[in-house]
Amino acid sequence: MDTEFSRAAFPQAALSRMQIATEIESRGLKPTAQRVQIAEVLMGAPTHMTAEQILATVRAAGGRISKATVYNTLKVLADAGFIRQIHFDPERSVYDSTRAPHHHFHNVETGEVRDIDPQDIAFSRFPELPDGMEAEAIEVVIRLRKKRS
């Protein structure tokens, strides 16, 4: 099964190592070597990557890092809003470097993920929110498969 996750539609400039460290620190986190190294993989270009793909990329570049460190770091960066974690099912997530609000197409047969501009989706109704709650974000994932004859 093809697992290409890099169809980002929103151009954004790559962040330098210094910009990444500064942004991590501005979110109240210490810019450790591992955090910066993992963020560099994602912030080099708009992309969608699994934790396994990030781990492989870091290791291919000569980085010595454990799988647990990658998963823990991705959680910390996502919780801080530095990256977005997109859950496709309980077993699979990708990490999205594009921080501007947007939605996704997800090809369930190939694993490919493509960005959708929020202006391309319109809602005619929005459910009433529970008392005392406000909407933080709306994330739409449209799952695709080939048409069946």
Protein backbone atom coordinates (compact mmCIF):
# COMPACT_ATOMS: atom_id res chain seq x y z
CA MET A 1 0.00 0.00 0.00
CA ASP A 2 1.39 3.42 -0.98
CA THR A 3 1.68 5.75 1.99
CA GLU A 4 2.39 9.15 0.48
CA PHE A 5 1.36 11.83 2.93
CA SER A 6 2.92 14.91 1.39
CA ARG A 7 0.21 16.60 -0.67
CA ALA A 8 0.10 19.95 1.08
CA ALA A 9 -1.70 22.68 -0.83
CA PHE A 10 -0.71 25.66 1.27
CA PRO A 11 2.70 27.11 0.47
CA GLN A 12 4.59 28.17 3.52
CA ALA A 13 8.23 29.05 3.94
CA ALA A 14 10.48 26.47 5.54
CA LEU A 15 11.52 27.40 9.06
CA SER A 16 15.21 27.57 9.92
CA ARG A 17 16.64 25.72 12.92
CA MET A 18 16.77 29.03 14.81
CA GLN A 19 13.17 29.93 13.90
CA ILE A 20 12.03 26.47 15.03
CA ALA A 21 13.85 26.80 18.37
CA THR A 22 12.40 30.28 18.90
CA GLU A 23 8.86 29.13 18.06
CA ILE A 24 9.13 26.10 20.35
CA GLU A 25 10.37 28.34 23.17
CA SER A 26 7.57 30.88 22.53
CA ARG A 27 5.10 28.08 23.24
CA GLY A 28 6.57 27.54 26.70
CA LEU A 29 8.66 24.53 25.75
CA LYS A 30 12.37 23.96 26.00
CA PRO A 31 13.84 23.66 22.48
CA THR A 32 15.71 20.41 23.10
CA ALA A 33 17.86 18.91 20.35
CA GLN A 34 15.27 16.16 19.77
CA ARG A 35 12.36 18.60 19.54
CA VAL A 36 14.21 20.82 17.08
CA GLN A 37 15.39 17.83 15.03
CA ILE A 38 11.88 16.37 14.73
CA ALA A 39 10.34 19.78 14.01
CA GLU A 40 12.93 20.35 11.25
CA VAL A 41 11.71 17.23 9.46
CA LEU A 42 8.15 18.56 9.45
CA MET A 43 8.82 22.25 8.94
CA GLY A 44 11.17 21.90 5.96
CA ALA A 45 8.15 21.97 3.65
CA PRO A 46 4.40 21.57 4.08
CA THR A 47 3.86 17.87 4.66
CA HIS A 48 1.82 15.13 6.32
CA MET A 49 3.94 12.40 7.88
CA THR A 50 3.42 9.48 10.21
CA ALA A 51 5.58 9.09 13.30
CA GLU A 52 7.28 6.13 11.60
CA GLN A 53 8.14 8.26 8.56
CA ILE A 54 9.56 10.98 10.79
CA LEU A 55 11.62 8.42 12.72
CA ALA A 56 12.99 6.96 9.47
CA THR A 57 13.86 10.44 8.14
CA VAL A 58 15.69 11.44 11.33
CA ARG A 59 17.61 8.17 11.38
CA ALA A 60 18.46 8.41 7.66
CA ALA A 61 20.02 11.81 8.39
CA GLY A 62 22.22 10.18 11.04
CA GLY A 63 20.14 11.07 14.07
CA ARG A 64 20.12 8.67 16.98
CA ILE A 65 16.65 8.77 18.43
CA SER A 66 14.26 6.22 19.89
CA LYS A 67 10.77 5.53 18.66
CA ALA A 68 9.38 6.51 22.08
CA THR A 69 11.17 9.88 21.91
CA VAL A 70 9.65 10.59 18.49
CA TYR A 71 6.12 9.74 19.68
CA ASN A 72 6.50 11.70 22.92
CA THR A 73 7.97 14.71 21.13
CA LEU A 74 5.22 14.73 18.50
CA LYS A 75 2.60 14.68 21.26
CA VAL A 76 4.26 17.60 23.06
CA LEU A 77 4.57 19.63 19.84
CA ALA A 78 0.95 18.90 18.87
CA ASP A 79 -0.36 19.71 22.36
CA ALA A 80 1.50 23.05 22.17
CA GLY A 81 -0.07 23.81 18.78
CA PHE A 82 3.24 23.79 16.93
CA ILE A 83 2.04 21.02 14.60
CA ARG A 84 -1.34 19.38 14.01
CA GLN A 85 -2.09 15.74 14.67
CA ILE A 86 -4.74 14.32 12.36
CA HIS A 87 -6.40 11.09 13.53
CA PHE A 88 -7.67 8.94 10.70
CA ASP A 89 -8.59 5.98 12.87
CA PRO A 90 -7.55 4.67 16.30
CA GLU A 91 -4.49 3.04 14.76
CA ARG A 92 -3.18 5.82 12.52
CA SER A 93 -2.33 9.49 12.74
CA VAL A 94 -0.31 11.86 10.63
CA TYR A 95 1.38 15.05 11.69
CA ASP A 96 0.70 18.13 9.61
CA SER A 97 3.18 21.00 9.39
CA THR A 98 0.65 23.41 7.86
CA ARG A 99 -0.73 25.38 10.75
CA ALA A 100 -3.22 27.50 8.81
CA PRO A 101 -6.78 26.17 9.21
CA HIS A 102 -7.59 23.65 6.49
CA HIS A 103 -9.27 20.29 5.85
CA HIS A 104 -8.18 17.03 4.22
CA PHE A 105 -8.95 14.39 1.65
CA HIS A 106 -7.76 10.96 2.83
CA ASN A 107 -7.51 8.13 0.30
CA VAL A 108 -8.27 5.07 2.41
CA GLU A 109 -6.83 2.73 -0.24
CA THR A 110 -3.42 4.40 -0.71
CA GLY A 111 -3.04 6.43 2.49
CA GLU A 112 -2.51 9.65 0.52
CA VAL A 113 -3.53 12.87 2.28
CA ARG A 114 -4.30 16.11 0.45
CA ASP A 115 -5.14 19.51 1.83
CA ILE A 116 -8.49 21.19 1.18
CA ASP A 117 -8.75 24.96 1.37
CA PRO A 118 -11.39 25.91 3.98
CA GLN A 119 -12.99 28.22 1.41
CA ASP A 120 -13.84 25.13 -0.65
CA ILE A 121 -16.17 23.80 2.06
CA ALA A 122 -19.39 25.50 3.13
CA PHE A 123 -21.67 24.55 6.00
CA SER A 124 -25.37 25.26 5.75
CA ARG A 125 -25.95 24.37 9.41
CA PHE A 126 -23.87 24.12 12.53
CA PRO A 127 -25.13 22.21 15.57
CA GLU A 128 -25.94 24.09 18.75
CA LEU A 129 -23.03 23.78 21.10
CA PRO A 130 -23.46 22.47 24.65
CA ASP A 131 -23.93 25.12 27.34
CA GLY A 132 -20.71 26.84 28.33
CA MET A 133 -18.77 25.54 25.32
CA GLU A 134 -17.31 27.26 22.27
CA ALA A 135 -15.95 25.77 19.05
CA GLU A 136 -12.15 25.74 19.06
CA ALA A 137 -11.75 24.39 15.52
CA ILE A 138 -13.49 22.52 12.75
CA GLU A 139 -11.55 19.81 10.97
CA VAL A 140 -13.12 17.94 8.08
CA VAL A 141 -11.61 14.74 6.71
CA ILE A 142 -13.23 13.42 3.53
CA ARG A 143 -12.37 9.75 3.08
CA LEU A 144 -11.97 8.68 -0.54
CA ARG A 145 -11.89 5.38 -2.41
CA LYS A 146 -12.11 4.47 -6.08
CA LYS A 147 -15.62 4.30 -7.47
CA ARG A 148 -16.96 0.79 -7.57
CA SER A 149 -18.48 -0.37 -10.84
